[in-house]
C-alpha cells in the first residue's frame, strides 16, 4: 500500500502533507497523555508494525499487499491518535532509509495507513466488541480498516489522470478494484487473524492494559 514517488502529482502530495500537519500535532498531544504502563507495549507494537510492513504477500494479479498493524496499536492503546504517530514514524523511516514508499508521498501514505486504517479499524472494533467479543471484533476491525485504507489509496491513484495527468495513468475503474481485491484476499485476512491472536494473548496475560484510567478511578471511588 506504500505509494512510491511519481504516482501522485505535486498538488496531491502537498494536499496530504497539509492535511497531516494538524493530525500529527493532535497525535503527539494524545501520545503525551498515554498511560505510562502502555509505553513499553507501544514500542514493541511499533517495531512489529515495521516488521510486518516489510513482508509482502503475493496477490493473484501479480502485485503484492502487506499488513500494517495500525488497528492493533489503536485497540491496545485504546487511542487511534497514538496509532497515527506510531505508524507515521514507521512510514518515515521506511521511506527515507529503505525506499519503501516515496518521500513526496509520506503525507498520503500516513493518511491512508496512519489515519484511515487505525481510525476505521478502531471504531469498527468499538462498535462490535460488546456484540461479538473483543477478539472477533478486533479481527473484523483490522480487516475493514486495511481494506478501507487500500480503497482510499486506489481513489488517490484514480484521481491523478483527471487532476494531474502524467502521473498515475490508471482511472478509478482500474485502480480501486486492484487495491481493494489485493487487500480483500491477502492482507485483510492476514491482518484479521494476527490482530485477533495478539489481542487475545495480551488480553489474557495483561488484562490491566484494557482498563482505562476512568474505569480505574471509578473502581477506586466505588
C-alpha atoms as a PDB file:
ATOM      1  CA  UNK A   1       0.000   0.000   0.000  1.00  0.00           C
ATOM      2  CA  UNK A   2       3.059   2.246   0.124  1.00  0.00           C
ATOM      3  CA  UNK A   3       2.666   4.809  -2.654  1.00  0.00           C
ATOM      4  CA  UNK A   4       6.013   5.405  -4.408  1.00  0.00           C
ATOM      5  CA  UNK A   5       7.278   8.685  -5.817  1.00  0.00           C
ATOM      6  CA  UNK A   6       5.900   9.564  -9.237  1.00  0.00           C
ATOM      7  CA  UNK A   7       2.399   8.144  -8.795  1.00  0.00           C
ATOM      8  CA  UNK A   8       0.813  11.180  -7.146  1.00  0.00           C
ATOM      9  CA  UNK A   9       1.250  14.669  -8.548  1.00  0.00           C
ATOM     10  CA  UNK A  10       2.732  17.546  -6.526  1.00  0.00           C
ATOM     11  CA  UNK A  11      -0.663  19.104  -5.784  1.00  0.00           C
ATOM     12  CA  UNK A  12      -1.964  15.840  -4.320  1.00  0.00           C
ATOM     13  CA  UNK A  13       1.223  15.281  -2.310  1.00  0.00           C
ATOM     14  CA  UNK A  14       1.151  18.827  -0.928  1.00  0.00           C
ATOM     15  CA  UNK A  15      -2.527  18.463  -0.033  1.00  0.00           C
ATOM     16  CA  UNK A  16      -1.876  15.388   2.092  1.00  0.00           C
ATOM     17  CA  UNK A  17       1.107  16.964   3.829  1.00  0.00           C
ATOM     18  CA  UNK A  18      -1.114  19.896   4.776  1.00  0.00           C
ATOM     19  CA  UNK A  19      -3.828  17.526   5.980  1.00  0.00           C
ATOM     20  CA  UNK A  20      -1.362  15.562   8.115  1.00  0.00           C
ATOM     21  CA  UNK A  21       0.285  18.503   9.929  1.00  0.00           C
ATOM     22  CA  UNK A  22      -2.648  19.180  12.324  1.00  0.00           C
ATOM     23  CA  UNK A  23      -3.276  15.434  12.638  1.00  0.00           C
ATOM     24  CA  UNK A  24       0.331  14.831  13.701  1.00  0.00           C
ATOM     25  CA  UNK A  25       0.046  17.713  16.166  1.00  0.00           C
ATOM     26  CA  UNK A  26      -3.076  16.219  17.721  1.00  0.00           C
ATOM     27  CA  UNK A  27      -1.497  12.756  17.755  1.00  0.00           C
ATOM     28  CA  UNK A  28       1.584  13.984  19.626  1.00  0.00           C
ATOM     29  CA  UNK A  29      -0.640  15.635  22.236  1.00  0.00           C
ATOM     30  CA  UNK A  30      -2.545  12.359  22.676  1.00  0.00           C
ATOM     31  CA  UNK A  31       0.704  10.425  22.906  1.00  0.00           C
ATOM     32  CA  UNK A  32       1.847  12.589  25.804  1.00  0.00           C
ATOM     33  CA  UNK A  33      -1.339  11.667  27.671  1.00  0.00           C
ATOM     34  CA  UNK A  34      -0.912   7.913  27.142  1.00  0.00           C
ATOM     35  CA  UNK A  35      -0.934   5.683  30.220  1.00  0.00           C
ATOM     36  CA  UNK A  36       2.792   5.136  31.068  1.00  0.00           C
ATOM     37  CA  UNK A  37       2.096   1.431  31.590  1.00  0.00           C
ATOM     38  CA  UNK A  38       1.424   1.129  27.869  1.00  0.00           C
ATOM     39  CA  UNK A  39       4.621   2.780  26.610  1.00  0.00           C
ATOM     40  CA  UNK A  40       6.740  -0.415  26.509  1.00  0.00           C
ATOM     41  CA  UNK A  41       3.965  -2.224  24.634  1.00  0.00           C
ATOM     42  CA  UNK A  42       3.669   0.702  22.221  1.00  0.00           C
ATOM     43  CA  UNK A  43       7.374   0.404  21.417  1.00  0.00           C
ATOM     44  CA  UNK A  44       7.005  -3.322  20.748  1.00  0.00           C
ATOM     45  CA  UNK A  45       3.912  -2.810  18.588  1.00  0.00           C
ATOM     46  CA  UNK A  46       5.603  -0.071  16.573  1.00  0.00           C
ATOM     47  CA  UNK A  47       8.528  -2.393  15.867  1.00  0.00           C
ATOM     48  CA  UNK A  48       6.028  -5.131  14.985  1.00  0.00           C
ATOM     49  CA  UNK A  49       4.286  -2.805  12.512  1.00  0.00           C
ATOM     50  CA  UNK A  50       7.632  -2.006  10.905  1.00  0.00           C
ATOM     51  CA  UNK A  51       8.360  -5.715  10.544  1.00  0.00           C
ATOM     52  CA  UNK A  52       5.025  -6.817   9.070  1.00  0.00           C
ATOM     53  CA  UNK A  53       5.038  -3.963   6.556  1.00  0.00           C
ATOM     54  CA  UNK A  54       8.324  -5.275   5.170  1.00  0.00           C
ATOM     55  CA  UNK A  55       6.754  -8.648   4.311  1.00  0.00           C
ATOM     56  CA  UNK A  56       4.739  -8.526   1.095  1.00  0.00           C
ATOM     57  CA  UNK A  57       2.057 -11.110   0.397  1.00  0.00           C
ATOM     58  CA  UNK A  58       1.618 -12.237  -3.237  1.00  0.00           C
ATOM     59  CA  UNK A  59      -1.645 -11.388  -4.997  1.00  0.00           C
ATOM     60  CA  UNK A  60      -3.017 -13.373  -7.991  1.00  0.00           C
ATOM     61  CA  UNK A  61      -2.888 -10.352 -10.320  1.00  0.00           C
ATOM     62  CA  UNK A  62       0.888 -10.155  -9.952  1.00  0.00           C
ATOM     63  CA  UNK A  63       1.088  -7.454  -7.304  1.00  0.00           C
ATOM     64  CA  UNK A  64       1.601  -7.706  -3.554  1.00  0.00           C
ATOM     65  CA  UNK A  65      -0.043  -6.484  -0.357  1.00  0.00           C
ATOM     66  CA  UNK A  66       1.029  -6.332   3.265  1.00  0.00           C
ATOM     67  CA  UNK A  67      -0.243  -5.943   6.792  1.00  0.00           C
ATOM     68  CA  UNK A  68       0.124  -2.647   8.641  1.00  0.00           C
ATOM     69  CA  UNK A  69      -0.705  -3.115  12.319  1.00  0.00           C
ATOM     70  CA  UNK A  70      -2.415   0.240  12.838  1.00  0.00           C
ATOM     71  CA  UNK A  71      -5.686  -1.195  14.107  1.00  0.00           C
ATOM     72  CA  UNK A  72      -3.832  -3.430  16.550  1.00  0.00           C
ATOM     73  CA  UNK A  73      -1.981  -0.438  18.011  1.00  0.00           C
ATOM     74  CA  UNK A  74      -5.174   1.635  18.216  1.00  0.00           C
ATOM     75  CA  UNK A  75      -7.013  -1.150  20.063  1.00  0.00           C
ATOM     76  CA  UNK A  76      -4.268  -1.979  22.556  1.00  0.00           C
ATOM     77  CA  UNK A  77      -3.517   1.692  23.220  1.00  0.00           C
ATOM     78  CA  UNK A  78      -7.263   2.463  23.238  1.00  0.00           C
ATOM     79  CA  UNK A  79      -6.432   5.529  21.157  1.00  0.00           C
ATOM     80  CA  UNK A  80      -6.224   5.699  17.342  1.00  0.00           C
ATOM     81  CA  UNK A  81      -4.339   9.009  17.523  1.00  0.00           C
ATOM     82  CA  UNK A  82      -1.424   7.192  19.142  1.00  0.00           C
ATOM     83  CA  UNK A  83      -1.537   4.654  16.316  1.00  0.00           C
ATOM     84  CA  UNK A  84      -1.284   7.541  13.835  1.00  0.00           C
ATOM     85  CA  UNK A  85       2.015   8.663  15.352  1.00  0.00           C
ATOM     86  CA  UNK A  86       3.413   5.139  15.627  1.00  0.00           C
ATOM     87  CA  UNK A  87       2.587   4.237  12.018  1.00  0.00           C
ATOM     88  CA  UNK A  88       3.802   7.626  10.756  1.00  0.00           C
ATOM     89  CA  UNK A  89       7.199   7.077  12.394  1.00  0.00           C
ATOM     90  CA  UNK A  90       7.441   3.665  10.739  1.00  0.00           C
ATOM     91  CA  UNK A  91       6.494   5.064   7.325  1.00  0.00           C
ATOM     92  CA  UNK A  92       9.007   7.912   7.532  1.00  0.00           C
ATOM     93  CA  UNK A  93      11.819   5.500   8.430  1.00  0.00           C
ATOM     94  CA  UNK A  94      10.833   3.116   5.641  1.00  0.00           C
ATOM     95  CA  UNK A  95      10.661   5.898   3.054  1.00  0.00           C
ATOM     96  CA  UNK A  96      13.980   7.524   3.987  1.00  0.00           C
ATOM     97  CA  UNK A  97      16.145   4.503   4.735  1.00  0.00           C
ATOM     98  CA  UNK A  98      14.543   1.642   2.797  1.00  0.00           C
ATOM     99  CA  UNK A  99      12.902   3.324  -0.194  1.00  0.00           C
ATOM    100  CA  UNK A 100       9.580   1.741   0.738  1.00  0.00           C
ATOM    101  CA  UNK A 101       7.103   4.467  -0.197  1.00  0.00           C
ATOM    102  CA  UNK A 102       8.077   7.788  -1.721  1.00  0.00           C
ATOM    103  CA  UNK A 103       9.391  10.803   0.155  1.00  0.00           C
ATOM    104  CA  UNK A 104       6.910  13.023  -1.670  1.00  0.00           C
ATOM    105  CA  UNK A 105       4.085  10.634  -0.725  1.00  0.00           C
ATOM    106  CA  UNK A 106       4.787  10.385   3.015  1.00  0.00           C
ATOM    107  CA  UNK A 107       1.770  12.567   3.752  1.00  0.00           C
ATOM    108  CA  UNK A 108      -0.554  10.429   1.618  1.00  0.00           C
ATOM    109  CA  UNK A 109       0.834   7.166   2.983  1.00  0.00           C
ATOM    110  CA  UNK A 110       0.491   8.402   6.559  1.00  0.00           C
ATOM    111  CA  UNK A 111      -3.083   9.453   5.845  1.00  0.00           C
ATOM    112  CA  UNK A 112      -4.064   6.083   4.389  1.00  0.00           C
ATOM    113  CA  UNK A 113      -2.198   3.763   6.761  1.00  0.00           C
ATOM    114  CA  UNK A 114      -1.872   6.011   9.795  1.00  0.00           C
ATOM    115  CA  UNK A 115      -5.265   7.729   9.863  1.00  0.00           C
ATOM    116  CA  UNK A 116      -7.893   5.918   7.780  1.00  0.00           C
ATOM    117  CA  UNK A 117      -6.758   2.426   8.745  1.00  0.00           C
ATOM    118  CA  UNK A 118      -6.488   2.753  12.550  1.00  0.00           C
ATOM    119  CA  UNK A 119      -9.499   5.035  12.952  1.00  0.00           C
ATOM    120  CA  UNK A 120     -11.809   2.863  10.852  1.00  0.00           C
ATOM    121  CA  UNK A 121     -10.481  -0.330  12.419  1.00  0.00           C
ATOM    122  CA  UNK A 122     -10.695   1.018  15.965  1.00  0.00           C
ATOM    123  CA  UNK A 123     -14.255   2.285  15.693  1.00  0.00           C
ATOM    124  CA  UNK A 124     -15.465  -0.884  13.972  1.00  0.00           C
ATOM    125  CA  UNK A 125     -13.928  -2.757  16.915  1.00  0.00           C
ATOM    126  CA  UNK A 126     -15.604  -0.432  19.427  1.00  0.00           C
ATOM    127  CA  UNK A 127     -18.964  -0.875  17.702  1.00  0.00           C
ATOM    128  CA  UNK A 128     -18.757  -4.677  17.626  1.00  0.00           C
ATOM    129  CA  UNK A 129     -16.908  -5.646  20.802  1.00  0.00           C
ATOM    130  CA  UNK A 130     -19.996  -5.841  23.026  1.00  0.00           C
ATOM    131  CA  UNK A 131     -21.817  -7.800  20.338  1.00  0.00           C
ATOM    132  CA  UNK A 132     -19.248 -10.409  19.270  1.00  0.00           C
ATOM    133  CA  UNK A 133     -16.480 -10.080  21.848  1.00  0.00           C
ATOM    134  CA  UNK A 134     -13.159  -8.253  21.843  1.00  0.00           C
ATOM    135  CA  UNK A 135     -11.170 -10.853  19.922  1.00  0.00           C
ATOM    136  CA  UNK A 136     -13.548 -11.283  16.978  1.00  0.00           C
ATOM    137  CA  UNK A 137     -14.289  -7.552  16.903  1.00  0.00           C
ATOM    138  CA  UNK A 138     -10.572  -6.762  16.715  1.00  0.00           C
ATOM    139  CA  UNK A 139     -10.131  -9.104  13.753  1.00  0.00           C
ATOM    140  CA  UNK A 140     -13.091  -7.617  11.903  1.00  0.00           C
ATOM    141  CA  UNK A 141     -11.863  -4.113  12.672  1.00  0.00           C
ATOM    142  CA  UNK A 142      -8.399  -4.889  11.313  1.00  0.00           C
ATOM    143  CA  UNK A 143      -9.913  -6.366   8.148  1.00  0.00           C
ATOM    144  CA  UNK A 144     -12.251  -3.443   7.483  1.00  0.00           C
ATOM    145  CA  UNK A 145      -9.570  -0.903   8.346  1.00  0.00           C
ATOM    146  CA  UNK A 146      -6.929  -2.178   5.940  1.00  0.00           C
ATOM    147  CA  UNK A 147      -9.392  -2.686   3.077  1.00  0.00           C
ATOM    148  CA  UNK A 148     -10.797   0.824   3.552  1.00  0.00           C
ATOM    149  CA  UNK A 149      -7.293   2.296   3.539  1.00  0.00           C
ATOM    150  CA  UNK A 150      -6.481   0.390   0.341  1.00  0.00           C
ATOM    151  CA  UNK A 151      -9.612   1.705  -1.344  1.00  0.00           C
ATOM    152  CA  UNK A 152      -8.628   5.250  -0.347  1.00  0.00           C
ATOM    153  CA  UNK A 153      -5.228   4.727  -1.958  1.00  0.00           C
ATOM    154  CA  UNK A 154      -6.993   3.421  -5.061  1.00  0.00           C
ATOM    155  CA  UNK A 155      -9.093   6.588  -5.265  1.00  0.00           C
ATOM    156  CA  UNK A 156      -5.958   8.705  -4.917  1.00  0.00           C
ATOM    157  CA  UNK A 157      -4.381   6.831  -7.830  1.00  0.00           C
ATOM    158  CA  UNK A 158      -7.541   7.037  -9.902  1.00  0.00           C
ATOM    159  CA  UNK A 159      -7.862  10.770  -9.362  1.00  0.00           C
ATOM    160  CA  UNK A 160      -4.498  11.574 -10.962  1.00  0.00           C
ATOM    161  CA  UNK A 161      -5.473  11.225 -14.654  1.00  0.00           C
ATOM    162  CA  UNK A 162      -8.155  13.858 -14.083  1.00  0.00           C
ATOM    163  CA  UNK A 163      -6.347  16.427 -11.939  1.00  0.00           C
ATOM    164  CA  UNK A 164      -2.637  15.842 -12.669  1.00  0.00           C
ATOM    165  CA  UNK A 165      -2.095  13.945 -15.945  1.00  0.00           C
ATOM    166  CA  UNK A 166       1.338  12.459 -16.362  1.00  0.00           C
ATOM    167  CA  UNK A 167       1.439  10.695 -13.020  1.00  0.00           C
ATOM    168  CA  UNK A 168      -0.610   7.564 -12.266  1.00  0.00           C
ATOM    169  CA  UNK A 169      -2.298   6.759 -15.600  1.00  0.00           C
ATOM    170  CA  UNK A 170      -4.956   4.385 -14.279  1.00  0.00           C
ATOM    171  CA  UNK A 171      -8.542   5.592 -13.733  1.00  0.00           C
ATOM    172  CA  UNK A 172     -10.801   4.614 -10.832  1.00  0.00           C
ATOM    173  CA  UNK A 173     -12.146   1.602 -12.718  1.00  0.00           C
ATOM    174  CA  UNK A 174      -8.669   0.063 -12.634  1.00  0.00           C
ATOM    175  CA  UNK A 175      -7.007   1.453  -9.517  1.00  0.00           C
ATOM    176  CA  UNK A 176      -9.787   0.951  -6.974  1.00  0.00           C
ATOM    177  CA  UNK A 177     -10.560  -2.717  -7.800  1.00  0.00           C
ATOM    178  CA  UNK A 178      -6.835  -3.503  -7.962  1.00  0.00           C
ATOM    179  CA  UNK A 179      -6.192  -2.101  -4.486  1.00  0.00           C
ATOM    180  CA  UNK A 180      -9.404  -3.453  -2.971  1.00  0.00           C
ATOM    181  CA  UNK A 181      -9.075  -7.008  -4.285  1.00  0.00           C
ATOM    182  CA  UNK A 182      -5.422  -7.258  -3.269  1.00  0.00           C
ATOM    183  CA  UNK A 183      -6.264  -6.431   0.327  1.00  0.00           C
ATOM    184  CA  UNK A 184      -9.586  -8.257   0.473  1.00  0.00           C
ATOM    185  CA  UNK A 185      -7.881 -11.538  -0.459  1.00  0.00           C
ATOM    186  CA  UNK A 186      -4.499 -11.422   1.268  1.00  0.00           C
ATOM    187  CA  UNK A 187      -3.540  -8.592   3.615  1.00  0.00           C
ATOM    188  CA  UNK A 188      -7.062  -8.278   5.035  1.00  0.00           C
ATOM    189  CA  UNK A 189      -7.386 -11.883   6.232  1.00  0.00           C
ATOM    190  CA  UNK A 190      -3.796 -11.860   7.497  1.00  0.00           C
ATOM    191  CA  UNK A 191      -4.401  -8.642   9.440  1.00  0.00           C
ATOM    192  CA  UNK A 192      -7.624 -10.023  10.901  1.00  0.00           C
ATOM    193  CA  UNK A 193      -6.058 -13.269  12.134  1.00  0.00           C
ATOM    194  CA  UNK A 194      -2.877 -11.711  13.524  1.00  0.00           C
ATOM    195  CA  UNK A 195      -4.721  -8.840  15.220  1.00  0.00           C
ATOM    196  CA  UNK A 196      -7.231 -11.192  16.839  1.00  0.00           C
ATOM    197  CA  UNK A 197      -4.466 -13.501  18.110  1.00  0.00           C
ATOM    198  CA  UNK A 198      -2.398 -10.673  19.579  1.00  0.00           C
ATOM    199  CA  UNK A 199      -5.419  -9.040  21.219  1.00  0.00           C
ATOM    200  CA  UNK A 200      -6.436 -12.401  22.703  1.00  0.00           C
ATOM    201  CA  UNK A 201      -2.938 -13.014  24.045  1.00  0.00           C
ATOM    202  CA  UNK A 202      -2.439  -9.547  25.521  1.00  0.00           C
ATOM    203  CA  UNK A 203      -5.948  -9.645  26.981  1.00  0.00           C
ATOM    204  CA  UNK A 204      -5.049 -12.934  28.660  1.00  0.00           C
ATOM    205  CA  UNK A 205      -1.630 -12.018  30.084  1.00  0.00           C
ATOM    206  CA  UNK A 206      -2.164  -8.273  30.730  1.00  0.00           C
ATOM    207  CA  UNK A 207      -5.876  -7.634  31.285  1.00  0.00           C
ATOM    208  CA  UNK A 208      -4.968  -4.486  33.224  1.00  0.00           C
ATOM    209  CA  UNK A 209      -3.972  -2.819  29.940  1.00  0.00           C
ATOM    210  CA  UNK A 210      -7.609  -2.980  28.846  1.00  0.00           C
ATOM    211  CA  UNK A 211      -8.720  -0.975  31.862  1.00  0.00           C
ATOM    212  CA  UNK A 212      -8.953   2.728  31.157  1.00  0.00           C
ATOM    213  CA  UNK A 213      -7.968   5.380  33.682  1.00  0.00           C
ATOM    214  CA  UNK A 214     -11.635   6.333  34.041  1.00  0.00           C
ATOM    215  CA  UNK A 215     -12.529   2.744  34.959  1.00  0.00           C
ATOM    216  CA  UNK A 216      -9.684   2.638  37.456  1.00  0.00           C
ATOM    217  CA  UNK A 217     -10.855   5.869  39.123  1.00  0.00           C
ATOM    218  CA  UNK A 218     -14.484   4.708  39.295  1.00  0.00           C
ATOM    219  CA  UNK A 219     -13.286   1.408  40.749  1.00  0.00           C
ATOM    220  CA  UNK A 220     -11.356   3.221  43.478  1.00  0.00           C
ATOM    221  CA  UNK A 221     -14.295   5.512  44.228  1.00  0.00           C
ATOM    222  CA  UNK A 222     -16.623   2.532  44.472  1.00  0.00           C
END
